[in-house]
Amino acid sequence: ATASSTQDGQTDDKTEFKLKFCTVCASNQNRSMEGHLRLSEANF
């Protein structure tokens, strides 16, 4: 996750955390790839 660093060097870990996802269908062609694309567009 990307966290912001303040001027005193402390890290604010509350920003930009994202869970990591895996999408699965039978042939990795239609449903899993639509999910893959949409999740990537949502910055996951």
Full PDB file with SEQRES, HELIX, SHEET, SSBOND, CRYST1, ORIGX, SCALE, CONECT and MASTER records, all heavy atoms in Angstrom:
SEQRES   1 A   44  ALA THR ALA SER SER THR GLN ASP GLY GLN THR ASP ASP          
SEQRES   2 A   44  LYS THR GLU PHE LYS LEU LYS PHE CYS THR VAL CYS ALA          
SEQRES   3 A   44  SER ASN GLN ASN ARG SER MET GLU GLY HIS LEU ARG LEU          
SEQRES   4 A   44  SER GLU ALA ASN PHE                                          
HELIX    1 AA1 ARG A   31  GLU A   41  1                                  11    
SHEET    1 AA1 2 SER A   4  SER A   5  0                                        
SHEET    2 AA1 2 THR A  11  ASP A  12 -1                                        
CRYST1    1.000    1.000    1.000  90.00  90.00  90.00 P 1           1          
ORIGX1      1.000000  0.000000  0.000000        0.00000                         
ORIGX2      0.000000  1.000000  0.000000        0.00000                         
ORIGX3      0.000000  0.000000  1.000000        0.00000                         
SCALE1      1.000000  0.000000  0.000000        0.00000                         
SCALE2      0.000000  1.000000  0.000000        0.00000                         
SCALE3      0.000000  0.000000  1.000000        0.00000                         
ATOM      1  N   ALA A   1       0.837  -1.187   0.000  1.00  0.00           N  
ATOM      2  CA  ALA A   1       0.000   0.000   0.000  1.00  0.00           C  
ATOM      3  C   ALA A   1       0.873   1.237   0.000  1.00  0.00           C  
ATOM      4  O   ALA A   1       1.966   1.258   0.543  1.00  0.00           O  
ATOM      5  CB  ALA A   1      -0.901   0.007   1.240  1.00  0.00           C  
ATOM      6  N   THR A   2       0.353   2.271  -0.594  1.00  0.00           N  
ATOM      7  CA  THR A   2       1.067   3.527  -0.592  1.00  0.00           C  
ATOM      8  C   THR A   2       0.614   4.351   0.597  1.00  0.00           C  
ATOM      9  O   THR A   2      -0.563   4.577   0.792  1.00  0.00           O  
ATOM     10  CB  THR A   2       0.795   4.308  -1.889  1.00  0.00           C  
ATOM     11  OG1 THR A   2       1.232   3.515  -2.980  1.00  0.00           O  
ATOM     12  CG2 THR A   2       1.542   5.627  -1.887  1.00  0.00           C  
ATOM     13  N   ALA A   3       1.564   4.780   1.397  1.00  0.00           N  
ATOM     14  CA  ALA A   3       1.243   5.592   2.563  1.00  0.00           C  
ATOM     15  C   ALA A   3       1.965   6.917   2.445  1.00  0.00           C  
ATOM     16  O   ALA A   3       3.015   7.019   1.814  1.00  0.00           O  
ATOM     17  CB  ALA A   3       1.665   4.873   3.844  1.00  0.00           C  
ATOM     18  N   SER A   4       1.420   7.950   3.045  1.00  0.00           N  
ATOM     19  CA  SER A   4       2.042   9.257   2.962  1.00  0.00           C  
ATOM     20  C   SER A   4       2.975   9.489   4.134  1.00  0.00           C  
ATOM     21  O   SER A   4       2.700   9.066   5.245  1.00  0.00           O  
ATOM     22  CB  SER A   4       0.963  10.346   2.918  1.00  0.00           C  
ATOM     23  OG  SER A   4       0.128  10.257   4.044  1.00  0.00           O  
ATOM     24  N   SER A   5       4.083  10.159   3.880  1.00  0.00           N  
ATOM     25  CA  SER A   5       5.074  10.445   4.915  1.00  0.00           C  
ATOM     26  C   SER A   5       4.990  11.910   5.295  1.00  0.00           C  
ATOM     27  O   SER A   5       5.049  12.781   4.432  1.00  0.00           O  
ATOM     28  CB  SER A   5       6.474  10.108   4.400  1.00  0.00           C  
ATOM     29  OG  SER A   5       7.444  10.392   5.367  1.00  0.00           O  
ATOM     30  N   THR A   6       4.839  12.177   6.566  1.00  0.00           N  
ATOM     31  CA  THR A   6       4.733  13.545   7.042  1.00  0.00           C  
ATOM     32  C   THR A   6       6.109  14.172   7.139  1.00  0.00           C  
ATOM     33  O   THR A   6       7.141  13.507   6.995  1.00  0.00           O  
ATOM     34  CB  THR A   6       4.039  13.583   8.418  1.00  0.00           C  
ATOM     35  OG1 THR A   6       4.807  12.817   9.341  1.00  0.00           O  
ATOM     36  CG2 THR A   6       2.651  12.980   8.326  1.00  0.00           C  
ATOM     37  N   GLN A   7       6.151  15.489   7.443  1.00  0.00           N  
ATOM     38  CA  GLN A   7       7.419  16.212   7.471  1.00  0.00           C  
ATOM     39  C   GLN A   7       8.352  15.711   8.567  1.00  0.00           C  
ATOM     40  O   GLN A   7       9.571  15.806   8.445  1.00  0.00           O  
ATOM     41  CB  GLN A   7       7.142  17.703   7.658  1.00  0.00           C  
ATOM     42  CG  GLN A   7       6.522  18.362   6.423  1.00  0.00           C  
ATOM     43  CD  GLN A   7       6.320  19.849   6.610  1.00  0.00           C  
ATOM     44  OE1 GLN A   7       6.366  20.352   7.729  1.00  0.00           O  
ATOM     45  NE2 GLN A   7       6.095  20.559   5.525  1.00  0.00           N  
ATOM     46  N   ASP A   8       7.785  15.136   9.633  1.00  0.00           N  
ATOM     47  CA  ASP A   8       8.651  14.637  10.712  1.00  0.00           C  
ATOM     48  C   ASP A   8       9.086  13.200  10.482  1.00  0.00           C  
ATOM     49  O   ASP A   8       9.664  12.563  11.342  1.00  0.00           O  
ATOM     50  CB  ASP A   8       7.950  14.764  12.068  1.00  0.00           C  
ATOM     51  CG  ASP A   8       6.659  13.959  12.145  1.00  0.00           C  
ATOM     52  OD1 ASP A   8       6.323  13.281  11.143  1.00  0.00           O  
ATOM     53  OD2 ASP A   8       5.999  14.004  13.203  1.00  0.00           O  
ATOM     54  N   GLY A   9       8.740  12.668   9.286  1.00  0.00           N  
ATOM     55  CA  GLY A   9       9.215  11.332   8.935  1.00  0.00           C  
ATOM     56  C   GLY A   9       8.278  10.216   9.346  1.00  0.00           C  
ATOM     57  O   GLY A   9       8.513   9.052   9.024  1.00  0.00           O  
ATOM     58  N   GLN A  10       7.193  10.546  10.045  1.00  0.00           N  
ATOM     59  CA  GLN A  10       6.238   9.517  10.447  1.00  0.00           C  
ATOM     60  C   GLN A  10       5.367   9.140   9.253  1.00  0.00           C  
ATOM     61  O   GLN A  10       5.070   9.970   8.389  1.00  0.00           O  
ATOM     62  CB  GLN A  10       5.363  10.016  11.602  1.00  0.00           C  
ATOM     63  CG  GLN A  10       6.143  10.310  12.877  1.00  0.00           C  
ATOM     64  CD  GLN A  10       6.851   9.065  13.381  1.00  0.00           C  
ATOM     65  OE1 GLN A  10       6.234   8.027  13.580  1.00  0.00           O  
ATOM     66  NE2 GLN A  10       8.157   9.179  13.604  1.00  0.00           N  
ATOM     67  N   THR A  11       4.940   7.885   9.211  1.00  0.00           N  
ATOM     68  CA  THR A  11       4.147   7.403   8.091  1.00  0.00           C  
ATOM     69  C   THR A  11       2.681   7.305   8.460  1.00  0.00           C  
ATOM     70  O   THR A  11       2.334   6.770   9.502  1.00  0.00           O  
ATOM     71  CB  THR A  11       4.647   6.009   7.638  1.00  0.00           C  
ATOM     72  OG1 THR A  11       5.994   6.130   7.224  1.00  0.00           O  
ATOM     73  CG2 THR A  11       3.820   5.478   6.479  1.00  0.00           C  
ATOM     74  N   ASP A  12       1.833   7.835   7.600  1.00  0.00           N  
ATOM     75  CA  ASP A  12       0.392   7.726   7.779  1.00  0.00           C  
ATOM     76  C   ASP A  12      -0.094   6.521   6.989  1.00  0.00           C  
ATOM     77  O   ASP A  12      -0.277   6.585   5.780  1.00  0.00           O  
ATOM     78  CB  ASP A  12      -0.295   8.993   7.267  1.00  0.00           C  
ATOM     79  CG  ASP A  12      -1.816   8.911   7.370  1.00  0.00           C  
ATOM     80  OD1 ASP A  12      -2.301   7.941   7.961  1.00  0.00           O  
ATOM     81  OD2 ASP A  12      -2.485   9.829   6.862  1.00  0.00           O  
ATOM     82  N   ASP A  13      -0.288   5.375   7.675  1.00  0.00           N  
ATOM     83  CA  ASP A  13      -0.636   4.130   7.004  1.00  0.00           C  
ATOM     84  C   ASP A  13      -2.134   3.999   6.739  1.00  0.00           C  
ATOM     85  O   ASP A  13      -2.603   2.948   6.330  1.00  0.00           O  
ATOM     86  CB  ASP A  13      -0.169   2.935   7.848  1.00  0.00           C  
ATOM     87  CG  ASP A  13       1.337   2.784   7.846  1.00  0.00           C  
ATOM     88  OD1 ASP A  13       1.895   2.756   6.749  1.00  0.00           O  
ATOM     89  OD2 ASP A  13       1.925   2.703   8.931  1.00  0.00           O  
ATOM     90  N   LYS A  14      -2.900   5.056   7.004  1.00  0.00           N  
ATOM     91  CA  LYS A  14      -4.346   4.971   6.838  1.00  0.00           C  
ATOM     92  C   LYS A  14      -4.781   5.235   5.402  1.00  0.00           C  
ATOM     93  O   LYS A  14      -5.950   5.096   5.081  1.00  0.00           O  
ATOM     94  CB  LYS A  14      -5.033   5.970   7.783  1.00  0.00           C  
ATOM     95  CG  LYS A  14      -4.811   5.659   9.260  1.00  0.00           C  
ATOM     96  CD  LYS A  14      -5.539   6.663  10.140  1.00  0.00           C  
ATOM     97  CE  LYS A  14      -5.312   6.364  11.614  1.00  0.00           C  
ATOM     98  NZ  LYS A  14      -6.017   7.326  12.488  1.00  0.00           N  
ATOM     99  N   THR A  15      -3.853   5.638   4.549  1.00  0.00           N  
ATOM    100  CA  THR A  15      -4.233   6.020   3.196  1.00  0.00           C  
ATOM    101  C   THR A  15      -3.873   4.935   2.183  1.00  0.00           C  
ATOM    102  O   THR A  15      -2.853   4.263   2.279  1.00  0.00           O  
ATOM    103  CB  THR A  15      -3.523   7.322   2.790  1.00  0.00           C  
ATOM    104  OG1 THR A  15      -2.107   7.104   2.825  1.00  0.00           O  
ATOM    105  CG2 THR A  15      -3.884   8.450   3.740  1.00  0.00           C  
ATOM    106  N   GLU A  16      -4.764   4.777   1.207  1.00  0.00           N  
ATOM    107  CA  GLU A  16      -4.484   4.016   0.002  1.00  0.00           C  
ATOM    108  C   GLU A  16      -4.263   2.520   0.182  1.00  0.00           C  
ATOM    109  O   GLU A  16      -3.729   1.886  -0.714  1.00  0.00           O  
ATOM    110  CB  GLU A  16      -3.271   4.612  -0.747  1.00  0.00           C  
ATOM    111  CG  GLU A  16      -3.482   6.040  -1.231  1.00  0.00           C  
ATOM    112  CD  GLU A  16      -4.646   6.188  -2.172  1.00  0.00           C  
ATOM    113  OE1 GLU A  16      -4.876   5.280  -2.986  1.00  0.00           O  
ATOM    114  OE2 GLU A  16      -5.365   7.191  -2.070  1.00  0.00           O  
ATOM    115  N   PHE A  17      -4.630   1.931   1.311  1.00  0.00           N  
ATOM    116  CA  PHE A  17      -4.484   0.494   1.435  1.00  0.00           C  
ATOM    117  C   PHE A  17      -5.478  -0.200   0.510  1.00  0.00           C  
ATOM    118  O   PHE A  17      -6.639   0.203   0.413  1.00  0.00           O  
ATOM    119  CB  PHE A  17      -4.734   0.026   2.868  1.00  0.00           C  
ATOM    120  CG  PHE A  17      -4.778  -1.476   2.997  1.00  0.00           C  
ATOM    121  CD1 PHE A  17      -3.615  -2.221   3.001  1.00  0.00           C  
ATOM    122  CD2 PHE A  17      -5.990  -2.150   3.071  1.00  0.00           C  
ATOM    123  CE1 PHE A  17      -3.643  -3.597   3.094  1.00  0.00           C  
ATOM    124  CE2 PHE A  17      -6.038  -3.534   3.162  1.00  0.00           C  
ATOM    125  CZ  PHE A  17      -4.855  -4.260   3.177  1.00  0.00           C  
ATOM    126  N   LYS A  18      -5.025  -1.251  -0.165  1.00  0.00           N  
ATOM    127  CA  LYS A  18      -5.893  -2.021  -1.048  1.00  0.00           C  
ATOM    128  C   LYS A  18      -5.701  -3.519  -0.812  1.00  0.00           C  
ATOM    129  O   LYS A  18      -4.558  -4.011  -0.818  1.00  0.00           O  
ATOM    130  CB  LYS A  18      -5.578  -1.714  -2.519  1.00  0.00           C  
ATOM    131  CG  LYS A  18      -5.928  -0.305  -2.963  1.00  0.00           C  
ATOM    132  CD  LYS A  18      -7.429  -0.104  -3.103  1.00  0.00           C  
ATOM    133  CE  LYS A  18      -7.747   1.244  -3.705  1.00  0.00           C  
ATOM    134  NZ  LYS A  18      -9.204   1.447  -3.895  1.00  0.00           N  
ATOM    135  N   LEU A  19      -6.792  -4.217  -0.608  1.00  0.00           N  
ATOM    136  CA  LEU A  19      -6.738  -5.675  -0.585  1.00  0.00           C  
ATOM    137  C   LEU A  19      -6.310  -6.187  -1.953  1.00  0.00           C  
ATOM    138  O   LEU A  19      -6.533  -5.537  -2.977  1.00  0.00           O  
ATOM    139  CB  LEU A  19      -8.111  -6.253  -0.243  1.00  0.00           C  
ATOM    140  CG  LEU A  19      -8.618  -6.088   1.191  1.00  0.00           C  
ATOM    141  CD1 LEU A  19     -10.102  -6.468   1.268  1.00  0.00           C  
ATOM    142  CD2 LEU A  19      -7.802  -6.950   2.156  1.00  0.00           C  
ATOM    143  N   LYS A  20      -5.708  -7.373  -1.964  1.00  0.00           N  
ATOM    144  CA  LYS A  20      -5.252  -7.986  -3.209  1.00  0.00           C  
ATOM    145  C   LYS A  20      -6.259  -9.057  -3.630  1.00  0.00           C  
ATOM    146  O   LYS A  20      -6.644  -9.913  -2.835  1.00  0.00           O  
ATOM    147  CB  LYS A  20      -3.866  -8.601  -3.020  1.00  0.00           C  
ATOM    148  CG  LYS A  20      -2.807  -7.586  -2.608  1.00  0.00           C  
ATOM    149  CD  LYS A  20      -1.498  -8.282  -2.284  1.00  0.00           C  
ATOM    150  CE  LYS A  20      -0.418  -7.281  -1.924  1.00  0.00           C  
ATOM    151  NZ  LYS A  20      -0.740  -6.518  -0.700  1.00  0.00           N  
ATOM    152  N   PHE A  21      -6.654  -9.030  -4.891  1.00  0.00           N  
ATOM    153  CA  PHE A  21      -7.712  -9.903  -5.377  1.00  0.00           C  
ATOM    154  C   PHE A  21      -7.227 -10.875  -6.451  1.00  0.00           C  
ATOM    155  O   PHE A  21      -6.246 -10.619  -7.155  1.00  0.00           O  
ATOM    156  CB  PHE A  21      -8.874  -9.078  -5.945  1.00  0.00           C  
ATOM    157  CG  PHE A  21      -9.698  -8.403  -4.885  1.00  0.00           C  
ATOM    158  CD1 PHE A  21      -9.315  -7.168  -4.377  1.00  0.00           C  
ATOM    159  CD2 PHE A  21     -10.831  -9.014  -4.385  1.00  0.00           C  
ATOM    160  CE1 PHE A  21     -10.057  -6.543  -3.390  1.00  0.00           C  
ATOM    161  CE2 PHE A  21     -11.584  -8.405  -3.393  1.00  0.00           C  
ATOM    162  CZ  PHE A  21     -11.206  -7.161  -2.897  1.00  0.00           C  
ATOM    163  N   CYS A  22      -7.956 -11.969  -6.561  1.00  0.00           N  
ATOM    164  CA  CYS A  22      -7.745 -12.953  -7.623  1.00  0.00           C  
ATOM    165  C   CYS A  22      -9.112 -13.367  -8.136  1.00  0.00           C  
ATOM    166  O   CYS A  22      -9.987 -13.727  -7.341  1.00  0.00           O  
ATOM    167  CB  CYS A  22      -6.985 -14.160  -7.083  1.00  0.00           C  
ATOM    168  SG  CYS A  22      -6.871 -15.542  -8.250  1.00  0.00           S  
ATOM    169  N   THR A  23      -9.340 -13.280  -9.442  1.00  0.00           N  
ATOM    170  CA  THR A  23     -10.610 -13.709 -10.029  1.00  0.00           C  
ATOM    171  C   THR A  23     -10.390 -15.004 -10.810  1.00  0.00           C  
ATOM    172  O   THR A  23      -9.350 -15.191 -11.447  1.00  0.00           O  
ATOM    173  CB  THR A  23     -11.186 -12.629 -10.954  1.00  0.00           C  
ATOM    174  OG1 THR A  23     -10.233 -12.304 -11.975  1.00  0.00           O  
ATOM    175  CG2 THR A  23     -11.530 -11.375 -10.165  1.00  0.00           C  
ATOM    176  N   VAL A  24     -11.394 -15.876 -10.760  1.00  0.00           N  
ATOM    177  CA  VAL A  24     -11.242 -17.218 -11.330  1.00  0.00           C  
ATOM    178  C   VAL A  24     -12.520 -17.642 -12.051  1.00  0.00           C  
ATOM    179  O   VAL A  24     -13.621 -17.507 -11.508  1.00  0.00           O  
ATOM    180  CB  VAL A  24     -10.931 -18.259 -10.230  1.00  0.00           C  
ATOM    181  CG1 VAL A  24     -10.726 -19.645 -10.843  1.00  0.00           C  
ATOM    182  CG2 VAL A  24      -9.707 -17.850  -9.420  1.00  0.00           C  
ATOM    183  N   CYS A  25     -12.388 -18.147 -13.264  1.00  0.00           N  
ATOM    184  CA  CYS A  25     -13.488 -18.832 -13.951  1.00  0.00           C  
ATOM    185  C   CYS A  25     -12.907 -20.088 -14.596  1.00  0.00           C  
ATOM    186  O   CYS A  25     -11.827 -20.536 -14.213  1.00  0.00           O  
ATOM    187  CB  CYS A  25     -14.182 -17.917 -14.961  1.00  0.00           C  
ATOM    188  SG  CYS A  25     -13.187 -17.415 -16.386  1.00  0.00           S  
ATOM    189  N   ALA A  26     -13.601 -20.680 -15.539  1.00  0.00           N  
ATOM    190  CA  ALA A  26     -13.142 -21.956 -16.090  1.00  0.00           C  
ATOM    191  C   ALA A  26     -11.948 -21.798 -17.032  1.00  0.00           C  
ATOM    192  O   ALA A  26     -10.967 -22.544 -16.945  1.00  0.00           O  
ATOM    193  CB  ALA A  26     -14.295 -22.655 -16.819  1.00  0.00           C  
ATOM    194  N   SER A  27     -12.020 -20.814 -17.942  1.00  0.00           N  
ATOM    195  CA  SER A  27     -10.996 -20.696 -18.978  1.00  0.00           C  
ATOM    196  C   SER A  27     -10.201 -19.399 -18.935  1.00  0.00           C  
ATOM    197  O   SER A  27      -9.391 -19.151 -19.826  1.00  0.00           O  
ATOM    198  CB  SER A  27     -11.633 -20.843 -20.372  1.00  0.00           C  
ATOM    199  OG  SER A  27     -12.046 -22.169 -20.606  1.00  0.00           O  
ATOM    200  N   ASN A  28     -10.430 -18.561 -17.902  1.00  0.00           N  
ATOM    201  CA  ASN A  28      -9.731 -17.285 -17.781  1.00  0.00           C  
ATOM    202  C   ASN A  28      -9.908 -16.451 -19.049  1.00  0.00           C  
ATOM    203  O   ASN A  28      -8.962 -15.881 -19.586  1.00  0.00           O  
ATOM    204  CB  ASN A  28      -8.246 -17.514 -17.506  1.00  0.00           C  
ATOM    205  CG  ASN A  28      -7.516 -16.293 -16.936  1.00  0.00           C  
ATOM    206  OD1 ASN A  28      -6.293 -16.220 -16.982  1.00  0.00           O  
ATOM    207  ND2 ASN A  28      -8.245 -15.327 -16.404  1.00  0.00           N  
ATOM    208  N   GLN A  29     -11.177 -16.402 -19.497  1.00  0.00           N  
ATOM    209  CA  GLN A  29     -11.471 -15.683 -20.728  1.00  0.00           C  
ATOM    210  C   GLN A  29     -12.550 -14.620 -20.555  1.00  0.00           C  
ATOM    211  O   GLN A  29     -12.342 -13.472 -20.916  1.00  0.00           O  
ATOM    212  CB  GLN A  29     -11.933 -16.677 -21.822  1.00  0.00           C  
ATOM    213  CG  GLN A  29     -10.861 -17.586 -22.346  1.00  0.00           C  
ATOM    214  CD  GLN A  29      -9.923 -16.889 -23.322  1.00  0.00           C  
ATOM    215  OE1 GLN A  29     -10.161 -15.779 -23.764  1.00  0.00           O  
ATOM    216  NE2 GLN A  29      -8.820 -17.549 -23.654  1.00  0.00           N  
ATOM    217  N   ASN A  30     -13.692 -15.002 -19.980  1.00  0.00           N  
ATOM    218  CA  ASN A  30     -14.820 -14.083 -19.961  1.00  0.00           C  
ATOM    219  C   ASN A  30     -15.056 -13.459 -18.588  1.00  0.00           C  
ATOM    220  O   ASN A  30     -14.710 -12.314 -18.332  1.00  0.00           O  
ATOM    221  CB  ASN A  30     -16.081 -14.811 -20.454  1.00  0.00           C  
ATOM    222  CG  ASN A  30     -17.289 -13.889 -20.552  1.00  0.00           C  
ATOM    223  OD1 ASN A  30     -17.151 -12.695 -20.794  1.00  0.00           O  
ATOM    224  ND2 ASN A  30     -18.471 -14.441 -20.356  1.00  0.00           N  
ATOM    225  N   ARG A  31     -15.605 -14.238 -17.656  1.00  0.00           N  
ATOM    226  CA  ARG A  31     -16.018 -13.675 -16.371  1.00  0.00           C  
ATOM    227  C   ARG A  31     -14.841 -13.247 -15.505  1.00  0.00           C  
ATOM    228  O   ARG A  31     -14.852 -12.147 -14.938  1.00  0.00           O  
ATOM    229  CB  ARG A  31     -16.896 -14.699 -15.635  1.00  0.00           C  
ATOM    230  CG  ARG A  31     -18.191 -15.008 -16.364  1.00  0.00           C  
ATOM    231  CD  ARG A  31     -18.813 -16.313 -15.908  1.00  0.00           C  
ATOM    232  NE  ARG A  31     -17.985 -17.461 -16.253  1.00  0.00           N  
ATOM    233  CZ  ARG A  31     -18.271 -18.712 -15.913  1.00  0.00           C  
ATOM    234  NH1 ARG A  31     -19.358 -18.964 -15.197  1.00  0.00           N  
ATOM    235  NH2 ARG A  31     -17.480 -19.701 -16.281  1.00  0.00           N  
ATOM    236  N   SER A  32     -13.827 -14.083 -15.400  1.00  0.00           N  
ATOM    237  CA  SER A  32     -12.667 -13.704 -14.570  1.00  0.00           C  
ATOM    238  C   SER A  32     -11.927 -12.518 -15.166  1.00  0.00           C  
ATOM    239  O   SER A  32     -11.385 -11.673 -14.445  1.00  0.00           O  
ATOM    240  CB  SER A  32     -11.714 -14.895 -14.396  1.00  0.00           C  
ATOM    241  OG  SER A  32     -11.153 -15.283 -15.637  1.00  0.00           O  
ATOM    242  N   MET A  33     -11.922 -12.423 -16.498  1.00  0.00           N  
ATOM    243  CA  MET A  33     -11.199 -11.315 -17.136  1.00  0.00           C  
ATOM    244  C   MET A  33     -11.983 -10.014 -17.059  1.00  0.00           C  
ATOM    245  O   MET A  33     -11.392  -8.936 -16.962  1.00  0.00           O  
ATOM    246  CB  MET A  33     -10.872 -11.673 -18.588  1.00  0.00           C  
ATOM    247  CG  MET A  33      -9.761 -12.707 -18.706  1.00  0.00           C  
ATOM    248  SD  MET A  33      -8.197 -12.118 -17.984  1.00  0.00           S  
ATOM    249  CE  MET A  33      -7.693 -10.917 -19.214  1.00  0.00           C  
ATOM    250  N   GLU A  34     -13.308 -10.093 -17.083  1.00  0.00           N  
ATOM    251  CA  GLU A  34     -14.113  -8.889 -16.863  1.00  0.00           C  
ATOM    252  C   GLU A  34     -13.884  -8.386 -15.436  1.00  0.00           C  
ATOM    253  O   GLU A  34     -13.697  -7.183 -15.205  1.00  0.00           O  
ATOM    254  CB  GLU A  34     -15.593  -9.193 -17.087  1.00  0.00           C  
ATOM    255  CG  GLU A  34     -16.516  -8.002 -16.866  1.00  0.00           C  
ATOM    256  CD  GLU A  34     -16.387  -6.923 -17.922  1.00  0.00           C  
ATOM    257  OE1 GLU A  34     -15.905  -7.212 -19.038  1.00  0.00           O  
ATOM    258  OE2 GLU A  34     -16.783  -5.764 -17.648  1.00  0.00           O  
ATOM    259  N   GLY A  35     -13.883  -9.324 -14.475  1.00  0.00           N  
ATOM    260  CA  GLY A  35     -13.605  -8.956 -13.098  1.00  0.00           C  
ATOM    261  C   GLY A  35     -12.207  -8.390 -12.933  1.00  0.00           C  
ATOM    262  O   GLY A  35     -11.999  -7.406 -12.217  1.00  0.00           O  
ATOM    263  N   HIS A  36     -11.238  -9.019 -13.581  1.00  0.00           N  
ATOM    264  CA  HIS A  36      -9.840  -8.552 -13.535  1.00  0.00           C  
ATOM    265  C   HIS A  36      -9.757  -7.110 -14.031  1.00  0.00           C  
ATOM    266  O   HIS A  36      -9.160  -6.240 -13.383  1.00  0.00           O  
ATOM    267  CB  HIS A  36      -8.985  -9.480 -14.395  1.00  0.00           C  
ATOM    268  CG  HIS A  36      -7.516  -9.200 -14.331  1.00  0.00           C  
ATOM    269  ND1 HIS A  36      -6.573 -10.207 -14.370  1.00  0.00           N  
ATOM    270  CD2 HIS A  36      -6.800  -8.042 -14.272  1.00  0.00           C  
ATOM    271  CE1 HIS A  36      -5.356  -9.677 -14.315  1.00  0.00           C  
ATOM    272  NE2 HIS A  36      -5.478  -8.361 -14.259  1.00  0.00           N  
ATOM    273  N   LEU A  37     -10.353  -6.851 -15.180  1.00  0.00           N  
ATOM    274  CA  LEU A  37     -10.292  -5.516 -15.766  1.00  0.00           C  
ATOM    275  C   LEU A  37     -10.950  -4.483 -14.855  1.00  0.00           C  
ATOM    276  O   LEU A  37     -10.377  -3.416 -14.589  1.00  0.00           O  
ATOM    277  CB  LEU A  37     -10.969  -5.505 -17.137  1.00  0.00           C  
ATOM    278  CG  LEU A  37     -11.078  -4.133 -17.814  1.00  0.00           C  
ATOM    279  CD1 LEU A  37      -9.706  -3.546 -18.072  1.00  0.00           C  
ATOM    280  CD2 LEU A  37     -11.879  -4.244 -19.104  1.00  0.00           C  
ATOM    281  N   ARG A  38     -12.157  -4.799 -14.373  1.00  0.00           N  
ATOM    282  CA  ARG A  38     -12.887  -3.827 -13.545  1.00  0.00           C  
ATOM    283  C   ARG A  38     -12.175  -3.555 -12.225  1.00  0.00           C  
ATOM    284  O   ARG A  38     -12.133  -2.420 -11.748  1.00  0.00           O  
ATOM    285  CB  ARG A  38     -14.307  -4.316 -13.293  1.00  0.00           C  
ATOM    286  CG  ARG A  38     -15.150  -4.467 -14.552  1.00  0.00           C  
ATOM    287  CD  ARG A  38     -15.165  -3.211 -15.378  1.00  0.00           C  
ATOM    288  NE  ARG A  38     -15.713  -3.439 -16.718  1.00  0.00           N  
ATOM    289  CZ  ARG A  38     -15.553  -2.633 -17.744  1.00  0.00           C  
ATOM    290  NH1 ARG A  38     -14.826  -1.524 -17.603  1.00  0.00           N  
ATOM    291  NH2 ARG A  38     -16.089  -2.904 -18.917  1.00  0.00           N  
ATOM    292  N   LEU A  39     -11.616  -4.577 -11.614  1.00  0.00           N  
ATOM    293  CA  LEU A  39     -10.874  -4.377 -10.368  1.00  0.00           C  
ATOM    294  C   LEU A  39      -9.622  -3.542 -10.605  1.00  0.00           C  
ATOM    295  O   LEU A  39      -9.275  -2.669  -9.801  1.00  0.00           O  
ATOM    296  CB  LEU A  39     -10.510  -5.719  -9.745  1.00  0.00           C  
ATOM    297  CG  LEU A  39     -11.655  -6.475  -9.073  1.00  0.00           C  
ATOM    298  CD1 LEU A  39     -11.237  -7.906  -8.754  1.00  0.00           C  
ATOM    299  CD2 LEU A  39     -12.117  -5.762  -7.795  1.00  0.00           C  
ATOM    300  N   SER A  40      -8.936  -3.791 -11.711  1.00  0.00           N  
ATOM    301  CA  SER A  40      -7.729  -3.010 -12.007  1.00  0.00           C  
ATOM    302  C   SER A  40      -8.094  -1.552 -12.264  1.00  0.00           C  
ATOM    303  O   SER A  40      -7.366  -0.643 -11.863  1.00  0.00           O  
ATOM    304  CB  SER A  40      -6.985  -3.595 -13.212  1.00  0.00           C  
ATOM    305  OG  SER A  40      -7.696  -3.409 -14.426  1.00  0.00           O  
ATOM    306  N   GLU A  41      -9.234  -1.317 -12.912  1.00  0.00           N  
ATOM    307  CA  GLU A  41      -9.673   0.051 -13.166  1.00  0.00           C  
ATOM    308  C   GLU A  41     -10.051   0.762 -11.868  1.00  0.00           C  
ATOM    309  O   GLU A  41      -9.998   1.996 -11.794  1.00  0.00           O  
ATOM    310  CB  GLU A  41     -10.855   0.051 -14.133  1.00  0.00           C  
ATOM    311  CG  GLU A  41     -10.480  -0.340 -15.560  1.00  0.00           C  
ATOM    312  CD  GLU A  41     -11.670  -0.413 -16.490  1.00  0.00           C  
ATOM    313  OE1 GLU A  41     -12.807  -0.579 -16.005  1.00  0.00           O  
ATOM    314  OE2 GLU A  41     -11.459  -0.316 -17.712  1.00  0.00           O  
ATOM    315  N   ALA A  42     -10.442  -0.029 -10.852  1.00  0.00           N  
ATOM    316  CA  ALA A  42     -10.750   0.531  -9.537  1.00  0.00           C  
ATOM    317  C   ALA A  42      -9.499   0.602  -8.653  1.00  0.00           C  
ATOM    318  O   ALA A  42      -9.600   0.835  -7.446  1.00  0.00           O  
ATOM    319  CB  ALA A  42     -11.826  -0.308  -8.858  1.00  0.00           C  
ATOM    320  N   ASN A  43      -8.334   0.363  -9.263  1.00  0.00           N  
ATOM    321  CA  ASN A  43      -7.025   0.476  -8.593  1.00  0.00           C  
ATOM    322  C   ASN A  43      -6.784  -0.600  -7.537  1.00  0.00           C  
ATOM    323  O   ASN A  43      -6.041  -0.385  -6.577  1.00  0.00           O  
ATOM    324  CB  ASN A  43      -6.855   1.869  -7.969  1.00  0.00           C  
ATOM    325  CG  ASN A  43      -6.846   2.965  -9.016  1.00  0.00           C  
ATOM    326  OD1 ASN A  43      -6.215   2.842 -10.062  1.00  0.00           O  
ATOM    327  ND2 ASN A  43      -7.579   4.046  -8.745  1.00  0.00           N  
ATOM    328  N   PHE A  44      -7.396  -1.766  -7.722  1.00  0.00           N  
ATOM    329  CA  PHE A  44      -7.092  -2.896  -6.849  1.00  0.00           C  
ATOM    330  C   PHE A  44      -6.001  -3.755  -7.490  1.00  0.00           C  
ATOM    331  O   PHE A  44      -6.034  -4.012  -8.697  1.00  0.00           O  
ATOM    332  CB  PHE A  44      -8.329  -3.775  -6.626  1.00  0.00           C  
ATOM    333  CG  PHE A  44      -9.320  -3.194  -5.665  1.00  0.00           C  
ATOM    334  CD1 PHE A  44     -10.481  -2.597  -6.129  1.00  0.00           C  
ATOM    335  CD2 PHE A  44      -9.098  -3.245  -4.296  1.00  0.00           C  
ATOM    336  CE1 PHE A  44     -11.405  -2.059  -5.245  1.00  0.00           C  
ATOM    337  CE2 PHE A  44     -10.010  -2.706  -3.406  1.00  0.00           C  
ATOM    338  CZ  PHE A  44     -11.164  -2.104  -3.878  1.00  0.00           C  
TER     339      PHE A  44                                                      
MASTER        0    0    0    1    2    0    0    6  338    1    0    4          
END                                                                             
